[in-house]
PDB file of N, CA and C in Angstrom:
ATOM      1  N   MET A   1     -22.128  14.450 -32.698  1.00  0.00           N
ATOM      2  CA  MET A   1     -21.131  13.910 -32.386  1.00  0.00           C
ATOM      3  C   MET A   1     -19.740  14.801 -32.489  1.00  0.00           C
ATOM      4  N   ILE A   2     -18.880  14.277 -31.799  1.00  0.00           N
ATOM      5  CA  ILE A   2     -17.444  15.070 -32.195  1.00  0.00           C
ATOM      6  C   ILE A   2     -16.023  13.954 -32.494  1.00  0.00           C
ATOM      7  N   ASN A   3     -15.370  14.680 -33.654  1.00  0.00           N
ATOM      8  CA  ASN A   3     -14.767  13.291 -34.165  1.00  0.00           C
ATOM      9  C   ASN A   3     -13.727  14.376 -34.559  1.00  0.00           C
ATOM     10  N   GLN A   4     -12.506  15.044 -33.425  1.00  0.00           N
ATOM     11  CA  GLN A   4     -11.224  15.805 -33.259  1.00  0.00           C
ATOM     12  C   GLN A   4     -10.211  15.264 -32.610  1.00  0.00           C
ATOM     13  N   VAL A   5      -9.585  15.282 -33.622  1.00  0.00           N
ATOM     14  CA  VAL A   5      -7.880  15.636 -32.824  1.00  0.00           C
ATOM     15  C   VAL A   5      -7.498  16.490 -33.248  1.00  0.00           C
ATOM     16  N   ILE A   6      -6.598  16.437 -32.014  1.00  0.00           N
ATOM     17  CA  ILE A   6      -4.948  17.613 -32.269  1.00  0.00           C
ATOM     18  C   ILE A   6      -3.500  16.669 -31.700  1.00  0.00           C
ATOM     19  N   LEU A   7      -2.992  16.787 -32.560  1.00  0.00           N
ATOM     20  CA  LEU A   7      -1.376  15.700 -32.463  1.00  0.00           C
ATOM     21  C   LEU A   7      -0.381  16.712 -32.787  1.00  0.00           C
ATOM     22  N   VAL A   8       0.098  16.716 -32.101  1.00  0.00           N
ATOM     23  CA  VAL A   8       2.179  16.912 -31.599  1.00  0.00           C
ATOM     24  C   VAL A   8       3.180  16.063 -32.103  1.00  0.00           C
ATOM     25  N   GLY A   9       3.271  16.094 -33.011  1.00  0.00           N
ATOM     26  CA  GLY A   9       4.395  15.062 -32.592  1.00  0.00           C
ATOM     27  C   GLY A   9       6.155  15.144 -33.286  1.00  0.00           C
ATOM     28  N   ARG A  10       6.924  14.346 -33.651  1.00  0.00           N
ATOM     29  CA  ARG A  10       7.805  14.117 -35.108  1.00  0.00           C
ATOM     30  C   ARG A  10       7.809  13.164 -36.101  1.00  0.00           C
ATOM     31  N   LEU A  11       7.589  13.804 -37.603  1.00  0.00           N
ATOM     32  CA  LEU A  11       7.562  12.365 -38.555  1.00  0.00           C
ATOM     33  C   LEU A  11       8.690  11.488 -38.143  1.00  0.00           C
ATOM     34  N   THR A  12       7.825  10.205 -38.824  1.00  0.00           N
ATOM     35  CA  THR A  12       9.126   9.439 -38.051  1.00  0.00           C
ATOM     36  C   THR A  12       9.823   8.381 -39.780  1.00  0.00           C
ATOM     37  N   LYS A  13       9.389   9.601 -40.679  1.00  0.00           N
ATOM     38  CA  LYS A  13       9.831   9.417 -41.910  1.00  0.00           C
ATOM     39  C   LYS A  13       9.541  10.291 -43.040  1.00  0.00           C
ATOM     40  N   ASP A  14      10.205  10.966 -44.439  1.00  0.00           N
ATOM     41  CA  ASP A  14       9.835  11.695 -44.974  1.00  0.00           C
ATOM     42  C   ASP A  14       8.312  11.334 -45.222  1.00  0.00           C
ATOM     43  N   PRO A  15       7.251  12.260 -45.434  1.00  0.00           N
ATOM     44  CA  PRO A  15       5.953  12.449 -45.847  1.00  0.00           C
ATOM     45  C   PRO A  15       6.379  11.784 -47.374  1.00  0.00           C
ATOM     46  N   GLU A  16       5.195  10.240 -47.626  1.00  0.00           N
ATOM     47  CA  GLU A  16       5.134  10.130 -48.925  1.00  0.00           C
ATOM     48  C   GLU A  16       3.626  10.523 -49.754  1.00  0.00           C
ATOM     49  N   ILE A  17       4.217  10.992 -50.962  1.00  0.00           N
ATOM     50  CA  ILE A  17       2.962  11.987 -51.434  1.00  0.00           C
ATOM     51  C   ILE A  17       2.957  10.990 -52.751  1.00  0.00           C
ATOM     52  N   ARG A  18       1.758  11.299 -53.257  1.00  0.00           N
ATOM     53  CA  ARG A  18       0.951  10.517 -54.515  1.00  0.00           C
ATOM     54  C   ARG A  18       0.006  11.159 -54.614  1.00  0.00           C
ATOM     55  N   TYR A  19      -0.671  11.186 -55.870  1.00  0.00           N
ATOM     56  CA  TYR A  19      -2.030  11.457 -56.637  1.00  0.00           C
ATOM     57  C   TYR A  19      -3.222  10.479 -56.580  1.00  0.00           C
ATOM     58  N   THR A  20      -3.918  11.159 -56.359  1.00  0.00           N
ATOM     59  CA  THR A  20      -5.329  10.280 -56.907  1.00  0.00           C
ATOM     60  C   THR A  20      -5.432  10.228 -58.291  1.00  0.00           C
ATOM     61  N   ALA A  21      -6.578   9.384 -58.831  1.00  0.00           N
ATOM     62  CA  ALA A  21      -6.905   9.877 -60.180  1.00  0.00           C
ATOM     63  C   ALA A  21      -7.332  10.817 -60.387  1.00  0.00           C
ATOM     64  N   ASP A  22      -7.851  11.549 -59.994  1.00  0.00           N
ATOM     65  CA  ASP A  22      -8.118  12.384 -60.164  1.00  0.00           C
ATOM     66  C   ASP A  22      -7.275  14.011 -60.271  1.00  0.00           C
ATOM     67  N   GLY A  23      -6.350  13.372 -59.508  1.00  0.00           N
ATOM     68  CA  GLY A  23      -5.120  14.602 -59.506  1.00  0.00           C
ATOM     69  C   GLY A  23      -5.118  15.111 -58.212  1.00  0.00           C
ATOM     70  N   ALA A  24      -5.567  14.830 -57.351  1.00  0.00           N
ATOM     71  CA  ALA A  24      -5.574  14.999 -55.486  1.00  0.00           C
ATOM     72  C   ALA A  24      -4.423  14.759 -55.230  1.00  0.00           C
ATOM     73  N   PRO A  25      -3.732  15.449 -54.835  1.00  0.00           N
ATOM     74  CA  PRO A  25      -2.171  15.319 -53.783  1.00  0.00           C
ATOM     75  C   PRO A  25      -2.501  14.807 -52.337  1.00  0.00           C
ATOM     76  N   VAL A  26      -2.307  13.696 -52.079  1.00  0.00           N
ATOM     77  CA  VAL A  26      -2.323  13.186 -51.062  1.00  0.00           C
ATOM     78  C   VAL A  26      -0.931  12.610 -49.935  1.00  0.00           C
ATOM     79  N   ALA A  27      -0.673  13.561 -48.662  1.00  0.00           N
ATOM     80  CA  ALA A  27       0.659  13.043 -48.392  1.00  0.00           C
ATOM     81  C   ALA A  27       0.395  11.907 -47.102  1.00  0.00           C
ATOM     82  N   ASN A  28       1.296  10.582 -46.989  1.00  0.00           N
ATOM     83  CA  ASN A  28       0.827   9.935 -45.846  1.00  0.00           C
ATOM     84  C   ASN A  28       2.370  10.132 -45.060  1.00  0.00           C
ATOM     85  N   ILE A  29       1.869  10.575 -43.938  1.00  0.00           N
ATOM     86  CA  ILE A  29       3.052  10.582 -42.986  1.00  0.00           C
ATOM     87  C   ILE A  29       2.881  10.042 -41.590  1.00  0.00           C
ATOM     88  N   THR A  30       3.524   9.807 -40.822  1.00  0.00           N
ATOM     89  CA  THR A  30       3.284   8.853 -39.762  1.00  0.00           C
ATOM     90  C   THR A  30       4.328  10.009 -38.454  1.00  0.00           C
ATOM     91  N   LEU A  31       3.716   9.781 -37.229  1.00  0.00           N
ATOM     92  CA  LEU A  31       3.804  10.673 -36.305  1.00  0.00           C
ATOM     93  C   LEU A  31       4.040   9.630 -35.020  1.00  0.00           C
ATOM     94  N   ALA A  32       4.910  10.100 -34.411  1.00  0.00           N
ATOM     95  CA  ALA A  32       5.498   9.489 -33.378  1.00  0.00           C
ATOM     96  C   ALA A  32       5.050  10.833 -32.272  1.00  0.00           C
ATOM     97  N   VAL A  33       3.867  10.532 -31.249  1.00  0.00           N
ATOM     98  CA  VAL A  33       3.646  11.129 -30.030  1.00  0.00           C
ATOM     99  C   VAL A  33       3.996  10.417 -28.291  1.00  0.00           C
ATOM    100  N   SER A  34       4.526  11.041 -27.845  1.00  0.00           N
ATOM    101  CA  SER A  34       4.829  10.646 -26.589  1.00  0.00           C
ATOM    102  C   SER A  34       3.972  10.672 -25.371  1.00  0.00           C
ATOM    103  N   ARG A  35       3.320   9.456 -24.891  1.00  0.00           N
ATOM    104  CA  ARG A  35       2.408   9.999 -23.750  1.00  0.00           C
ATOM    105  C   ARG A  35       2.700  10.867 -22.816  1.00  0.00           C
ATOM    106  N   GLN A  36       1.828  11.051 -21.668  1.00  0.00           N
ATOM    107  CA  GLN A  36       2.143  12.084 -20.789  1.00  0.00           C
ATOM    108  C   GLN A  36       2.277  11.302 -19.966  1.00  0.00           C
ATOM    109  N   PHE A  37       2.547  10.082 -19.490  1.00  0.00           N
ATOM    110  CA  PHE A  37       2.503   9.479 -17.965  1.00  0.00           C
ATOM    111  C   PHE A  37       4.087   8.583 -18.471  1.00  0.00           C
ATOM    112  N   ARG A  38       4.441   7.886 -17.175  1.00  0.00           N
ATOM    113  CA  ARG A  38       4.946   7.076 -17.939  1.00  0.00           C
ATOM    114  C   ARG A  38       4.516   5.662 -17.481  1.00  0.00           C
ATOM    115  N   ASN A  39       4.739   4.647 -17.771  1.00  0.00           N
ATOM    116  CA  ASN A  39       4.709   3.294 -17.821  1.00  0.00           C
ATOM    117  C   ASN A  39       5.665   2.563 -16.182  1.00  0.00           C
ATOM    118  N   ALA A  40       5.014   1.343 -15.962  1.00  0.00           N
ATOM    119  CA  ALA A  40       5.504   0.388 -14.733  1.00  0.00           C
ATOM    120  C   ALA A  40       6.984   0.401 -14.805  1.00  0.00           C
ATOM    121  N   ALA A  41       7.619   0.633 -15.842  1.00  0.00           N
ATOM    122  CA  ALA A  41       8.867   0.711 -15.369  1.00  0.00           C
ATOM    123  C   ALA A  41       9.621   1.933 -15.759  1.00  0.00           C
ATOM    124  N   GLY A  42       9.086   3.186 -16.008  1.00  0.00           N
ATOM    125  CA  GLY A  42       8.859   4.258 -15.243  1.00  0.00           C
ATOM    126  C   GLY A  42       9.860   4.839 -16.945  1.00  0.00           C
ATOM    127  N   GLU A  43       9.359   4.329 -17.541  1.00  0.00           N
ATOM    128  CA  GLU A  43       9.980   4.576 -19.187  1.00  0.00           C
ATOM    129  C   GLU A  43       8.506   5.602 -19.940  1.00  0.00           C
ATOM    130  N   ILE A  44       8.875   6.862 -20.950  1.00  0.00           N
ATOM    131  CA  ILE A  44       7.544   7.342 -21.381  1.00  0.00           C
ATOM    132  C   ILE A  44       7.078   6.447 -22.554  1.00  0.00           C
ATOM    133  N   ASP A  45       6.407   6.059 -23.016  1.00  0.00           N
ATOM    134  CA  ASP A  45       6.080   5.352 -24.008  1.00  0.00           C
ATOM    135  C   ASP A  45       5.116   6.235 -25.663  1.00  0.00           C
ATOM    136  N   THR A  46       5.575   6.078 -26.717  1.00  0.00           N
ATOM    137  CA  THR A  46       5.341   6.685 -27.768  1.00  0.00           C
ATOM    138  C   THR A  46       4.568   5.791 -28.767  1.00  0.00           C
ATOM    139  N   ASP A  47       3.480   6.461 -29.047  1.00  0.00           N
ATOM    140  CA  ASP A  47       2.471   6.066 -30.541  1.00  0.00           C
ATOM    141  C   ASP A  47       2.706   6.202 -31.352  1.00  0.00           C
ATOM    142  N   PHE A  48       2.245   5.660 -32.757  1.00  0.00           N
ATOM    143  CA  PHE A  48       2.821   5.975 -33.602  1.00  0.00           C
ATOM    144  C   PHE A  48       1.486   5.633 -34.266  1.00  0.00           C
ATOM    145  N   VAL A  49       1.125   7.456 -35.173  1.00  0.00           N
ATOM    146  CA  VAL A  49      -0.167   7.509 -35.912  1.00  0.00           C
ATOM    147  C   VAL A  49       0.281   8.105 -37.450  1.00  0.00           C
ATOM    148  N   ASN A  50      -0.679   6.782 -37.734  1.00  0.00           N
ATOM    149  CA  ASN A  50      -1.015   7.063 -38.946  1.00  0.00           C
ATOM    150  C   ASN A  50      -1.912   8.211 -39.720  1.00  0.00           C
ATOM    151  N   CYS A  51      -1.262   9.338 -40.489  1.00  0.00           N
ATOM    152  CA  CYS A  51      -2.432  10.125 -40.661  1.00  0.00           C
ATOM    153  C   CYS A  51      -2.128  11.030 -42.534  1.00  0.00           C
ATOM    154  N   SER A  52      -3.044  11.139 -42.847  1.00  0.00           N
ATOM    155  CA  SER A  52      -3.458  11.165 -44.199  1.00  0.00           C
ATOM    156  C   SER A  52      -3.871  12.825 -44.358  1.00  0.00           C
ATOM    157  N   VAL A  53      -3.022  13.635 -44.942  1.00  0.00           N
ATOM    158  CA  VAL A  53      -3.173  14.885 -45.449  1.00  0.00           C
ATOM    159  C   VAL A  53      -3.167  15.709 -47.466  1.00  0.00           C
ATOM    160  N   TRP A  54      -4.212  16.215 -46.953  1.00  0.00           N
ATOM    161  CA  TRP A  54      -4.266  16.265 -48.705  1.00  0.00           C
ATOM    162  C   TRP A  54      -4.571  17.413 -49.622  1.00  0.00           C
ATOM    163  N   ARG A  55      -4.429  17.625 -50.601  1.00  0.00           N
ATOM    164  CA  ARG A  55      -3.920  18.876 -50.824  1.00  0.00           C
ATOM    165  C   ARG A  55      -3.442  19.493 -51.290  1.00  0.00           C
ATOM    166  N   ARG A  56      -3.052  21.148 -50.948  1.00  0.00           N
ATOM    167  CA  ARG A  56      -2.447  21.312 -50.861  1.00  0.00           C
ATOM    168  C   ARG A  56      -1.596  21.524 -49.277  1.00  0.00           C
ATOM    169  N   SER A  57      -2.202  21.485 -48.424  1.00  0.00           N
ATOM    170  CA  SER A  57      -1.836  21.014 -47.343  1.00  0.00           C
ATOM    171  C   SER A  57      -0.408  19.956 -47.387  1.00  0.00           C
ATOM    172  N   ALA A  58      -0.697  18.396 -48.117  1.00  0.00           N
ATOM    173  CA  ALA A  58      -0.038  17.559 -48.693  1.00  0.00           C
ATOM    174  C   ALA A  58       1.095  17.861 -49.630  1.00  0.00           C
ATOM    175  N   GLU A  59       0.818  19.109 -50.133  1.00  0.00           N
ATOM    176  CA  GLU A  59       2.167  19.067 -50.663  1.00  0.00           C
ATOM    177  C   GLU A  59       3.080  20.044 -50.377  1.00  0.00           C
ATOM    178  N   ASN A  60       2.482  20.927 -49.532  1.00  0.00           N
ATOM    179  CA  ASN A  60       3.787  21.326 -48.598  1.00  0.00           C
ATOM    180  C   ASN A  60       4.154  21.081 -47.565  1.00  0.00           C
ATOM    181  N   THR A  61       3.538  19.979 -47.395  1.00  0.00           N
ATOM    182  CA  THR A  61       4.117  18.646 -45.919  1.00  0.00           C
ATOM    183  C   THR A  61       5.205  18.117 -46.730  1.00  0.00           C
ATOM    184  N   ALA A  62       5.025  17.622 -47.672  1.00  0.00           N
ATOM    185  CA  ALA A  62       6.025  17.134 -49.113  1.00  0.00           C
ATOM    186  C   ALA A  62       6.815  18.056 -49.566  1.00  0.00           C
ATOM    187  N   ASN A  63       6.976  18.594 -49.303  1.00  0.00           N
ATOM    188  CA  ASN A  63       8.306  19.892 -49.877  1.00  0.00           C
ATOM    189  C   ASN A  63       9.056  20.337 -48.208  1.00  0.00           C
ATOM    190  N   TYR A  64       8.390  20.579 -47.734  1.00  0.00           N
ATOM    191  CA  TYR A  64       9.073  21.157 -46.266  1.00  0.00           C
ATOM    192  C   TYR A  64       9.048  20.472 -45.121  1.00  0.00           C
ATOM    193  N   CYS A  65       8.756  19.391 -45.035  1.00  0.00           N
ATOM    194  CA  CYS A  65       8.944  18.895 -43.945  1.00  0.00           C
ATOM    195  C   CYS A  65      10.049  17.151 -44.233  1.00  0.00           C
ATOM    196  N   ARG A  66      10.600  16.563 -43.743  1.00  0.00           N
ATOM    197  CA  ARG A  66      11.340  15.729 -43.715  1.00  0.00           C
ATOM    198  C   ARG A  66      11.375  14.883 -42.253  1.00  0.00           C
ATOM    199  N   LYS A  67      12.234  13.561 -42.379  1.00  0.00           N
ATOM    200  CA  LYS A  67      12.072  12.855 -41.143  1.00  0.00           C
ATOM    201  C   LYS A  67      12.346  13.517 -39.648  1.00  0.00           C
ATOM    202  N   GLY A  68      12.116  13.517 -38.635  1.00  0.00           N
ATOM    203  CA  GLY A  68      12.613  14.489 -37.321  1.00  0.00           C
ATOM    204  C   GLY A  68      11.659  15.409 -37.917  1.00  0.00           C
ATOM    205  N   SER A  69      10.904  16.582 -38.796  1.00  0.00           N
ATOM    206  CA  SER A  69      10.569  17.558 -38.630  1.00  0.00           C
ATOM    207  C   SER A  69       9.331  17.325 -37.066  1.00  0.00           C
ATOM    208  N   ILE A  70       8.577  18.187 -36.579  1.00  0.00           N
ATOM    209  CA  ILE A  70       7.822  18.553 -35.613  1.00  0.00           C
ATOM    210  C   ILE A  70       6.792  19.279 -36.064  1.00  0.00           C
ATOM    211  N   VAL A  71       5.439  18.639 -35.874  1.00  0.00           N
ATOM    212  CA  VAL A  71       4.198  18.508 -36.871  1.00  0.00           C
ATOM    213  C   VAL A  71       3.398  18.870 -36.231  1.00  0.00           C
ATOM    214  N   GLY A  72       2.114  20.144 -36.319  1.00  0.00           N
ATOM    215  CA  GLY A  72       1.206  19.651 -35.045  1.00  0.00           C
ATOM    216  C   GLY A  72      -0.181  19.470 -36.658  1.00  0.00           C
ATOM    217  N   VAL A  73      -0.902  18.582 -36.183  1.00  0.00           N
ATOM    218  CA  VAL A  73      -1.559  17.951 -37.212  1.00  0.00           C
ATOM    219  C   VAL A  73      -3.177  18.267 -36.023  1.00  0.00           C
ATOM    220  N   THR A  74      -4.284  19.085 -37.080  1.00  0.00           N
ATOM    221  CA  THR A  74      -5.582  18.944 -36.294  1.00  0.00           C
ATOM    222  C   THR A  74      -6.295  17.714 -37.379  1.00  0.00           C
ATOM    223  N   GLY A  75      -7.272  17.383 -37.032  1.00  0.00           N
ATOM    224  CA  GLY A  75      -8.163  16.576 -38.372  1.00  0.00           C
ATOM    225  C   GLY A  75      -9.142  15.846 -37.113  1.00  0.00           C
ATOM    226  N   ARG A  76      -9.660  14.525 -37.860  1.00  0.00           N
ATOM    227  CA  ARG A  76     -10.799  13.451 -37.427  1.00  0.00           C
ATOM    228  C   ARG A  76     -10.236  12.077 -38.003  1.00  0.00           C
ATOM    229  N   ILE A  77     -11.010  11.124 -36.732  1.00  0.00           N
ATOM    230  CA  ILE A  77      -9.977   9.591 -36.569  1.00  0.00           C
ATOM    231  C   ILE A  77     -11.186   9.290 -37.664  1.00  0.00           C
ATOM    232  N   GLN A  78     -10.724   8.547 -39.080  1.00  0.00           N
ATOM    233  CA  GLN A  78     -11.253   7.739 -39.835  1.00  0.00           C
ATOM    234  C   GLN A  78     -10.770   5.758 -39.841  1.00  0.00           C
ATOM    235  N   THR A  79     -11.807   5.291 -39.952  1.00  0.00           N
ATOM    236  CA  THR A  79     -11.859   3.450 -39.971  1.00  0.00           C
ATOM    237  C   THR A  79     -12.316   3.775 -42.093  1.00  0.00           C
ATOM    238  N   ARG A  80     -11.755   2.727 -42.073  1.00  0.00           N
ATOM    239  CA  ARG A  80     -11.620   1.923 -43.600  1.00  0.00           C
ATOM    240  C   ARG A  80     -11.520   0.489 -43.450  1.00  0.00           C
ATOM    241  N   SER A  81     -11.990  -0.172 -44.438  1.00  0.00           N
ATOM    242  CA  SER A  81     -11.536  -1.452 -44.813  1.00  0.00           C
ATOM    243  C   SER A  81     -11.132  -1.878 -46.416  1.00  0.00           C
ATOM    244  N   TYR A  82     -10.282  -2.701 -46.758  1.00  0.00           N
ATOM    245  CA  TYR A  82     -10.124  -2.924 -47.892  1.00  0.00           C
ATOM    246  C   TYR A  82      -9.757  -4.694 -47.825  1.00  0.00           C
ATOM    247  N   GLU A  83      -9.357  -5.729 -49.594  1.00  0.00           N
ATOM    248  CA  GLU A  83      -9.028  -6.516 -49.146  1.00  0.00           C
ATOM    249  C   GLU A  83      -7.848  -6.705 -49.274  1.00  0.00           C
ATOM    250  N   ASN A  84      -7.302  -7.244 -48.816  1.00  0.00           N
ATOM    251  CA  ASN A  84      -5.902  -7.195 -49.887  1.00  0.00           C
ATOM    252  C   ASN A  84      -5.821  -8.646 -51.021  1.00  0.00           C
ATOM    253  N   ALA A  85      -4.763  -8.208 -51.579  1.00  0.00           N
ATOM    254  CA  ALA A  85      -3.816  -9.669 -51.953  1.00  0.00           C
ATOM    255  C   ALA A  85      -4.539 -11.080 -52.244  1.00  0.00           C
ATOM    256  N   GLU A  86      -4.644 -11.241 -50.695  1.00  0.00           N
ATOM    257  CA  GLU A  86      -5.227 -12.463 -50.011  1.00  0.00           C
ATOM    258  C   GLU A  86      -6.478 -13.159 -49.544  1.00  0.00           C
ATOM    259  N   ARG A  87      -6.700 -12.053 -50.420  1.00  0.00           N
ATOM    260  CA  ARG A  87      -8.466 -11.555 -50.178  1.00  0.00           C
ATOM    261  C   ARG A  87      -8.958 -11.584 -48.744  1.00  0.00           C
ATOM    262  N   THR A  88      -7.817 -10.942 -47.724  1.00  0.00           N
ATOM    263  CA  THR A  88      -8.248 -10.899 -46.441  1.00  0.00           C
ATOM    264  C   THR A  88      -8.926  -9.631 -45.617  1.00  0.00           C
ATOM    265  N   ARG A  89      -9.485  -9.707 -45.516  1.00  0.00           N
ATOM    266  CA  ARG A  89      -9.784  -7.811 -44.954  1.00  0.00           C
ATOM    267  C   ARG A  89      -9.655  -6.957 -44.378  1.00  0.00           C
ATOM    268  N   VAL A  90      -8.143  -6.246 -44.530  1.00  0.00           N
ATOM    269  CA  VAL A  90      -7.847  -5.197 -43.737  1.00  0.00           C
ATOM    270  C   VAL A  90      -8.489  -3.948 -43.178  1.00  0.00           C
ATOM    271  N   TYR A  91      -8.194  -3.439 -42.102  1.00  0.00           N
ATOM    272  CA  TYR A  91      -8.814  -2.481 -41.156  1.00  0.00           C
ATOM    273  C   TYR A  91      -8.105  -1.792 -40.670  1.00  0.00           C
ATOM    274  N   VAL A  92      -8.166   0.049 -41.103  1.00  0.00           N
ATOM    275  CA  VAL A  92      -7.124   0.710 -41.174  1.00  0.00           C
ATOM    276  C   VAL A  92      -8.353   1.869 -40.100  1.00  0.00           C
ATOM    277  N   THR A  93      -7.433   2.278 -39.093  1.00  0.00           N
ATOM    278  CA  THR A  93      -7.483   3.364 -38.491  1.00  0.00           C
ATOM    279  C   THR A  93      -6.668   4.570 -38.888  1.00  0.00           C
ATOM    280  N   GLU A  94      -7.004   5.352 -38.767  1.00  0.00           N
ATOM    281  CA  GLU A  94      -5.642   7.234 -39.031  1.00  0.00           C
ATOM    282  C   GLU A  94      -6.575   7.962 -39.252  1.00  0.00           C
ATOM    283  N   VAL A  95      -5.657   9.457 -39.159  1.00  0.00           N
ATOM    284  CA  VAL A  95      -6.265  10.139 -38.529  1.00  0.00           C
ATOM    285  C   VAL A  95      -5.835  11.382 -39.999  1.00  0.00           C
ATOM    286  N   VAL A  96      -7.449  11.621 -40.600  1.00  0.00           N
ATOM    287  CA  VAL A  96      -7.459  12.801 -41.871  1.00  0.00           C
ATOM    288  C   VAL A  96      -7.112  14.070 -41.804  1.00  0.00           C
ATOM    289  N   ALA A  97      -6.229  14.757 -41.900  1.00  0.00           N
ATOM    290  CA  ALA A  97      -5.699  16.057 -41.298  1.00  0.00           C
ATOM    291  C   ALA A  97      -6.385  17.039 -41.920  1.00  0.00           C
ATOM    292  N   ASP A  98      -7.321  18.113 -41.077  1.00  0.00           N
ATOM    293  CA  ASP A  98      -7.786  19.350 -41.980  1.00  0.00           C
ATOM    294  C   ASP A  98      -6.633  20.167 -42.119  1.00  0.00           C
ATOM    295  N   SER A  99      -5.785  20.169 -40.732  1.00  0.00           N
ATOM    296  CA  SER A  99      -4.594  21.483 -41.004  1.00  0.00           C
ATOM    297  C   SER A  99      -2.970  20.874 -40.542  1.00  0.00           C
ATOM    298  N   VAL A 100      -2.039  21.181 -40.934  1.00  0.00           N
ATOM    299  CA  VAL A 100      -1.019  20.637 -40.338  1.00  0.00           C
ATOM    300  C   VAL A 100      -0.087  22.279 -40.566  1.00  0.00           C
ATOM    301  N   ARG A 101       0.626  21.791 -38.623  1.00  0.00           N
ATOM    302  CA  ARG A 101       0.937  23.534 -38.791  1.00  0.00           C
ATOM    303  C   ARG A 101       2.718  23.389 -38.664  1.00  0.00           C
ATOM    304  N   PHE A 102       3.926  23.673 -39.544  1.00  0.00           N
ATOM    305  CA  PHE A 102       4.622  23.256 -38.805  1.00  0.00           C
ATOM    306  C   PHE A 102       6.041  24.003 -38.002  1.00  0.00           C
ATOM    307  N   MET A 103       6.541  23.102 -36.789  1.00  0.00           N
ATOM    308  CA  MET A 103       7.107  23.378 -35.850  1.00  0.00           C
ATOM    309  C   MET A 103       7.683  24.031 -35.543  1.00  0.00           C
ATOM    310  N   SER A 104       8.983  23.553 -36.459  1.00  0.00           N
ATOM    311  CA  SER A 104      10.118  23.641 -35.940  1.00  0.00           C
ATOM    312  C   SER A 104      10.688  23.994 -37.336  1.00  0.00           C
ATOM    313  N   GLY A 105      12.164  24.429 -37.652  1.00  0.00           N
ATOM    314  CA  GLY A 105      12.533  24.672 -38.338  1.00  0.00           C
ATOM    315  C   GLY A 105      12.807  24.346 -39.955  1.00  0.00           C
ATOM    316  N   LYS A 106      13.289  24.942 -40.690  1.00  0.00           N
ATOM    317  CA  LYS A 106      13.294  23.795 -41.985  1.00  0.00           C
ATOM    318  C   LYS A 106      14.272  23.073 -41.782  1.00  0.00           C
ATOM    319  N   PRO A 107      13.889  21.514 -42.155  1.00  0.00           N
ATOM    320  CA  PRO A 107      14.890  20.350 -42.397  1.00  0.00           C
ATOM    321  C   PRO A 107      16.931  20.864 -43.101  1.00  0.00           C
ATOM    322  N   ARG A 108      17.260  21.014 -42.368  1.00  0.00           N
ATOM    323  CA  ARG A 108      18.964  21.513 -43.036  1.00  0.00           C
ATOM    324  C   ARG A 108      19.366  21.185 -44.375  1.00  0.00           C
ATOM    325  N   GLU A 109      18.845  19.820 -44.992  1.00  0.00           N
ATOM    326  CA  GLU A 109      18.722  19.503 -46.444  1.00  0.00           C
ATOM    327  C   GLU A 109      18.253  20.926 -47.005  1.00  0.00           C
ATOM    328  N   LEU A 110      17.239  21.239 -46.644  1.00  0.00           N
ATOM    329  CA  LEU A 110      16.640  22.307 -47.434  1.00  0.00           C
ATOM    330  C   LEU A 110      17.320  23.417 -47.577  1.00  0.00           C
ATOM    331  N   VAL A 111      17.451  24.377 -46.301  1.00  0.00           N
ATOM    332  CA  VAL A 111      18.453  24.948 -46.231  1.00  0.00           C
ATOM    333  C   VAL A 111      19.497  24.983 -47.173  1.00  0.00           C
ATOM    334  N   GLU A 112      20.244  23.949 -47.393  1.00  0.00           N
ATOM    335  CA  GLU A 112      21.557  23.909 -47.990  1.00  0.00           C
ATOM    336  C   GLU A 112      20.941  24.106 -49.482  1.00  0.00           C
ATOM    337  N   GLN A 113      20.093  23.955 -50.153  1.00  0.00           N
ATOM    338  CA  GLN A 113      19.371  23.238 -50.802  1.00  0.00           C
ATOM    339  C   GLN A 113      18.947  24.840 -51.562  1.00  0.00           C
ATOM    340  N   GLU A 114      18.381  25.524 -50.605  1.00  0.00           N
ATOM    341  CA  GLU A 114      17.824  27.030 -51.216  1.00  0.00           C
ATOM    342  C   GLU A 114      19.402  28.079 -51.127  1.00  0.00           C
ATOM    343  N   SER A 115      20.765  27.384 -50.524  1.00  0.00           N
ATOM    344  CA  SER A 115      21.676  28.263 -50.521  1.00  0.00           C
ATOM    345  C   SER A 115      22.565  28.917 -51.990  1.00  0.00           C
TER     346      SER A 115
END
C-alpha cells in the first residue's frame, strides 16, 4: 500500500510548537493549498490542510516560518480519534510530515531581528 502526500502551500498562521511528555517537539501547521481547477463560478478553491511536524523539523519550522510562508511538505495521511470534554468522539485527519522544505525567503520580522 502507498500512503504518500506532497503539498506546497502557504501557512495560514504561525506554527504552534509544543512538547510531548517525552520532550519531543511537535509543530502544528495549516497549509492553504490552491486547487488545480476552477469551480462553477470560475474561482479557484483552496483547501486548508492540517499537518503535524515532528522533532528537528518542528523546531526549524517554528523558528524560520511565519504566517504566509510558502512551504513544501512530504508525508503521509493519518487518521485518529479522541473523546472530547462533552464525551463525543472526534475524528481527525491530518498529514504527518516526513520533511518540510522552506520555499520562500525568511519572513521580514526574522530578518529585522538578525540585523
